[in-house]
Amino acid sequence: MKKLFAAAILSATLFSCADKQQQEKDLLNEVIAIHDRVMEKDELVMINKMQLDTLIKDSVSADVTTKAISLRGNLDTVDSRMEKWMHNFDAENKGKSHDEIITYLTDQKKQISALDSNLNIAVKTADTFIKQNKKK
């Protein structure tokens, strides 16, 4: 009976460890997937910045120039925040407990999701403005 009980405890412990590692791995993969989605938009950011620079340089009107400068600033801000996030992100989490890793990755997922949302808004707003003010 004692051997059966010990085997059950050992099995539960091993299964629990494997489950925790899988949970950590799954959460890390979610964070990386959002990161990859954000990075795919990097080219759109650069294209929009160049087109806004052209609108600023052409200076069609003071309103257009002011808005273009503002939108370019928004793109720069989001781009800078993304670079900072990438620089600070630690995918290895060495020496941390399971709870610390889950807390860290959950926080990172929230941060990168917010960046994704802000980037989508900045790119869409700039894109719409550029289309409305592009020379024909």
Protein backbone atom coordinates (compact mmCIF):
# COMPACT_ATOMS: atom_id res chain seq x y z
CA MET A 1 0.00 0.00 0.00
CA LYS A 2 2.83 2.41 0.87
CA LYS A 3 4.53 1.67 -2.46
CA LEU A 4 1.34 2.38 -4.36
CA PHE A 5 0.86 5.65 -2.49
CA ALA A 6 4.49 6.67 -3.10
CA ALA A 7 4.16 5.83 -6.80
CA ALA A 8 0.99 7.93 -7.04
CA ILE A 9 2.68 10.90 -5.37
CA LEU A 10 5.73 10.57 -7.60
CA SER A 11 3.53 10.39 -10.72
CA ALA A 12 1.54 13.42 -9.64
CA THR A 13 4.73 15.39 -8.94
CA LEU A 14 6.27 14.51 -12.30
CA PHE A 15 3.05 15.29 -14.14
CA SER A 16 2.75 18.59 -12.27
CA CYS A 17 6.30 19.61 -13.25
CA ALA A 18 5.73 18.74 -16.89
CA ASP A 19 2.42 20.61 -16.85
CA LYS A 20 4.07 23.72 -15.38
CA GLN A 21 6.82 23.64 -17.98
CA GLN A 22 4.24 23.27 -20.74
CA GLN A 23 2.25 26.17 -19.31
CA GLU A 24 5.39 28.34 -19.33
CA LYS A 25 6.26 27.24 -22.86
CA ASP A 26 2.73 27.91 -24.14
CA LEU A 27 2.66 31.39 -22.60
CA LEU A 28 6.10 32.20 -24.02
CA ASN A 29 4.91 31.06 -27.46
CA GLU A 30 1.89 33.37 -27.19
CA VAL A 31 4.16 36.33 -26.38
CA ILE A 32 6.49 35.48 -29.27
CA ALA A 33 3.55 35.12 -31.68
CA ILE A 34 2.31 38.61 -30.81
CA HIS A 35 5.86 39.94 -31.15
CA ASP A 36 6.16 38.36 -34.60
CA ARG A 37 2.84 39.89 -35.65
CA VAL A 38 4.06 43.32 -34.54
CA MET A 39 7.36 42.90 -36.37
CA GLU A 40 5.53 42.13 -39.62
CA LYS A 41 4.18 45.69 -39.48
CA ASP A 42 7.65 47.23 -39.28
CA GLU A 43 7.76 47.75 -43.04
CA LEU A 44 4.41 49.55 -42.96
CA VAL A 45 5.75 51.86 -40.27
CA MET A 46 8.80 52.73 -42.39
CA ILE A 47 6.72 53.30 -45.53
CA ASN A 48 4.28 55.54 -43.65
CA LYS A 49 7.17 57.52 -42.12
CA MET A 50 8.67 58.14 -45.57
CA GLN A 51 5.32 59.18 -47.02
CA LEU A 52 4.64 61.51 -44.09
CA ASP A 53 8.12 62.99 -44.55
CA THR A 54 7.21 63.69 -48.17
CA LEU A 55 3.99 65.42 -47.10
CA ILE A 56 5.94 67.48 -44.57
CA LYS A 57 8.57 68.40 -47.15
CA ASP A 58 5.95 69.33 -49.77
CA SER A 59 4.15 71.47 -47.18
CA VAL A 60 0.80 71.58 -48.99
CA SER A 61 -0.77 73.49 -46.10
CA ALA A 62 0.02 74.29 -42.50
CA ASP A 63 -2.74 71.93 -41.31
CA VAL A 64 -1.47 69.02 -43.40
CA THR A 65 2.11 69.62 -42.28
CA THR A 66 1.14 69.87 -38.61
CA LYS A 67 -0.93 66.68 -38.76
CA ALA A 68 1.79 64.83 -40.69
CA ILE A 69 4.38 65.81 -38.08
CA SER A 70 2.07 64.60 -35.32
CA LEU A 71 1.39 61.27 -37.04
CA ARG A 72 5.08 60.75 -37.72
CA GLY A 73 5.75 61.40 -34.05
CA ASN A 74 3.15 58.77 -33.11
CA LEU A 75 4.84 56.22 -35.37
CA ASP A 76 8.24 57.09 -33.91
CA THR A 77 6.90 56.70 -30.37
CA VAL A 78 5.34 53.30 -30.99
CA ASP A 79 8.42 52.13 -32.88
CA SER A 80 10.67 53.27 -30.04
CA ARG A 81 8.49 51.55 -27.44
CA MET A 82 8.70 48.32 -29.44
CA GLU A 83 12.49 48.52 -29.63
CA LYS A 84 12.66 49.15 -25.87
CA TRP A 85 10.35 46.20 -25.19
CA MET A 86 12.47 43.89 -27.35
CA HIS A 87 15.66 45.07 -25.67
CA ASN A 88 14.27 44.41 -22.17
CA PHE A 89 12.45 41.14 -22.88
CA ASP A 90 14.02 38.08 -21.22
CA ALA A 91 12.84 34.84 -22.80
CA GLU A 92 15.09 32.61 -20.70
CA ASN A 93 13.83 33.40 -17.18
CA LYS A 94 16.72 31.57 -15.52
CA GLY A 95 16.57 31.20 -11.77
CA LYS A 96 12.91 32.15 -11.49
CA SER A 97 10.15 30.09 -9.94
CA HIS A 98 7.18 28.90 -11.96
CA ASP A 99 4.96 31.60 -10.44
CA GLU A 100 7.53 34.31 -11.20
CA ILE A 101 7.84 33.12 -14.80
CA ILE A 102 4.06 33.03 -15.29
CA THR A 103 3.70 36.51 -13.75
CA TYR A 104 6.52 37.87 -15.90
CA LEU A 105 5.24 36.35 -19.15
CA THR A 106 1.66 37.43 -18.43
CA ASP A 107 2.88 41.00 -17.90
CA GLN A 108 4.97 40.83 -21.08
CA LYS A 109 1.97 39.53 -23.03
CA LYS A 110 -0.09 42.50 -21.82
CA GLN A 111 2.69 44.92 -22.80
CA ILE A 112 3.25 43.50 -26.27
CA SER A 113 -0.51 43.28 -26.88
CA ALA A 114 -0.86 46.96 -25.97
CA LEU A 115 2.02 47.78 -28.32
CA ASP A 116 0.33 45.79 -31.07
CA SER A 117 -2.90 47.70 -30.54
CA ASN A 118 -1.13 51.08 -30.47
CA LEU A 119 0.85 50.20 -33.57
CA ASN A 120 -2.30 49.18 -35.44
CA ILE A 121 -3.95 52.50 -34.57
CA ALA A 122 -0.88 54.57 -35.47
CA VAL A 123 -0.39 52.79 -38.81
CA LYS A 124 -4.09 52.92 -39.75
CA THR A 125 -4.42 56.60 -38.83
CA ALA A 126 -1.27 57.53 -40.75
CA ASP A 127 -2.29 55.41 -43.73
CA THR A 128 -5.74 57.04 -43.92
CA PHE A 129 -4.24 60.53 -43.64
CA ILE A 130 -1.66 59.79 -46.33
CA LYS A 131 -4.31 58.49 -48.73
CA GLN A 132 -6.44 61.59 -48.15
CA ASN A 133 -3.55 64.00 -48.75
CA LYS A 134 -1.45 62.28 -51.38
CA LYS A 135 -0.80 64.23 -54.55
CA LYS A 136 -2.68 62.84 -57.45
